[in-house]
Amino acid sequence: MNQKSLDEATQLFEIIGKYVPENPNEEMLDYINEIFENIKKDGNYDSYFEAIRLMTGKSFGALGQMNPVDVLELFITSLMDWHIVELVAFFRNIGYANDQPT
């Protein structure tokens, strides 16, 4: 497993924490789909691209050149690689509030 820095993990939580369901779905893909749907519902696609950029190191330009389906797949695999369920649980358990404006 790749080790992520606490700073990067905190940034990721600040970007998408508000879109993560309170209770994890048992199916990882359903859980990630809920995150994606919450971002879409909010209309904050900057969060979507910023999260992918942070998790992968790809530039906005590179992401913009990719097929949207490939970008979504990258989002899904990156959230799994970053162990999003555990990451969110950690921040919520320590009481870290995500008060970032949408």
Protein backbone atom coordinates (compact mmCIF):
# COMPACT_ATOMS: atom_id res chain seq x y z
CA MET A 1 0.00 0.00 0.00
CA ASN A 2 1.25 3.46 -0.86
CA GLN A 3 1.69 5.76 2.08
CA LYS A 4 -0.01 9.11 1.71
CA SER A 5 1.05 12.18 3.62
CA LEU A 6 -1.23 13.49 6.33
CA ASP A 7 -1.24 16.85 4.56
CA GLU A 8 -2.50 15.29 1.32
CA ALA A 9 -5.05 13.19 3.18
CA THR A 10 -6.32 16.28 4.98
CA GLN A 11 -6.57 18.18 1.69
CA LEU A 12 -8.52 15.33 0.10
CA PHE A 13 -10.94 15.22 3.03
CA GLU A 14 -11.40 18.98 2.83
CA ILE A 15 -12.17 18.72 -0.88
CA ILE A 16 -14.65 15.84 -0.87
CA GLY A 17 -15.50 15.10 2.76
CA LYS A 18 -18.84 16.88 2.56
CA TYR A 19 -19.85 14.63 -0.36
CA VAL A 20 -19.11 11.38 1.42
CA PRO A 21 -22.14 9.59 2.88
CA GLU A 22 -22.33 9.34 6.67
CA ASN A 23 -22.67 5.56 6.56
CA PRO A 24 -20.45 3.60 4.21
CA ASN A 25 -22.19 1.35 1.73
CA GLU A 26 -20.97 -2.23 1.85
CA GLU A 27 -20.27 -2.15 -1.86
CA MET A 28 -17.27 0.09 -2.54
CA LEU A 29 -18.42 1.06 -6.04
CA ASP A 30 -21.86 2.07 -4.72
CA TYR A 31 -20.16 4.13 -2.02
CA ILE A 32 -17.94 5.91 -4.53
CA ASN A 33 -20.92 6.40 -6.84
CA GLU A 34 -22.74 8.16 -3.98
CA ILE A 35 -19.76 10.50 -3.57
CA PHE A 36 -19.76 11.23 -7.31
CA GLU A 37 -23.55 11.76 -7.38
CA ASN A 38 -23.33 14.14 -4.41
CA ILE A 39 -20.68 16.17 -6.22
CA LYS A 40 -22.86 16.25 -9.34
CA LYS A 41 -25.93 17.24 -7.33
CA ASP A 42 -23.96 20.12 -5.80
CA GLY A 43 -22.65 21.10 -9.23
CA ASN A 44 -19.12 21.49 -7.85
CA TYR A 45 -17.08 19.78 -10.54
CA ASP A 46 -14.00 21.68 -9.37
CA SER A 47 -14.01 19.41 -6.31
CA TYR A 48 -14.13 16.35 -8.56
CA PHE A 49 -11.17 17.47 -10.67
CA GLU A 50 -9.22 18.84 -7.70
CA ALA A 51 -9.60 15.51 -5.86
CA ILE A 52 -8.36 13.60 -8.90
CA ARG A 53 -5.46 16.02 -9.37
CA LEU A 54 -4.45 15.63 -5.73
CA MET A 55 -4.72 11.84 -5.74
CA THR A 56 -2.94 11.28 -9.07
CA GLY A 57 -0.70 14.29 -9.63
CA LYS A 58 -2.22 14.79 -13.09
CA SER A 59 -2.68 18.38 -14.19
CA PHE A 60 -6.05 19.90 -14.97
CA GLY A 61 -4.95 20.14 -18.58
CA ALA A 62 -4.13 16.45 -18.75
CA LEU A 63 -7.45 15.55 -17.15
CA GLY A 64 -9.29 17.80 -19.60
CA GLN A 65 -7.70 15.96 -22.52
CA MET A 66 -8.83 12.56 -21.24
CA ASN A 67 -12.04 10.77 -22.15
CA PRO A 68 -14.63 11.52 -19.41
CA VAL A 69 -15.15 7.80 -18.80
CA ASP A 70 -11.42 7.37 -18.23
CA VAL A 71 -11.43 10.32 -15.80
CA LEU A 72 -14.30 8.74 -13.87
CA GLU A 73 -12.44 5.43 -13.77
CA LEU A 74 -9.37 7.27 -12.48
CA PHE A 75 -11.53 8.88 -9.76
CA ILE A 76 -12.90 5.49 -8.72
CA THR A 77 -9.57 3.68 -8.63
CA SER A 78 -7.86 6.60 -6.89
CA LEU A 79 -10.46 6.71 -4.11
CA MET A 80 -9.99 2.97 -3.61
CA ASP A 81 -6.20 3.37 -3.57
CA TRP A 82 -6.57 6.15 -0.99
CA HIS A 83 -8.82 3.93 1.17
CA ILE A 84 -11.52 6.57 1.22
CA VAL A 85 -13.73 4.74 3.73
CA GLU A 86 -10.96 4.56 6.31
CA LEU A 87 -9.72 8.06 5.53
CA VAL A 88 -13.14 9.63 6.07
CA ALA A 89 -13.79 7.52 9.18
CA PHE A 90 -10.47 8.69 10.64
CA PHE A 91 -11.22 12.39 10.17
CA ARG A 92 -14.79 12.06 11.39
CA ASN A 93 -13.70 10.04 14.43
CA ILE A 94 -11.23 12.70 15.52
CA GLY A 95 -13.89 15.36 15.05
CA TYR A 96 -12.25 17.11 12.14
CA ALA A 97 -14.98 19.24 10.60
CA ASN A 98 -15.14 19.91 6.91
CA ASP A 99 -16.51 23.43 6.81
CA GLN A 100 -15.14 24.31 3.40
CA PRO A 101 -17.59 26.31 1.30
CA THR A 102 -19.03 24.56 -1.71
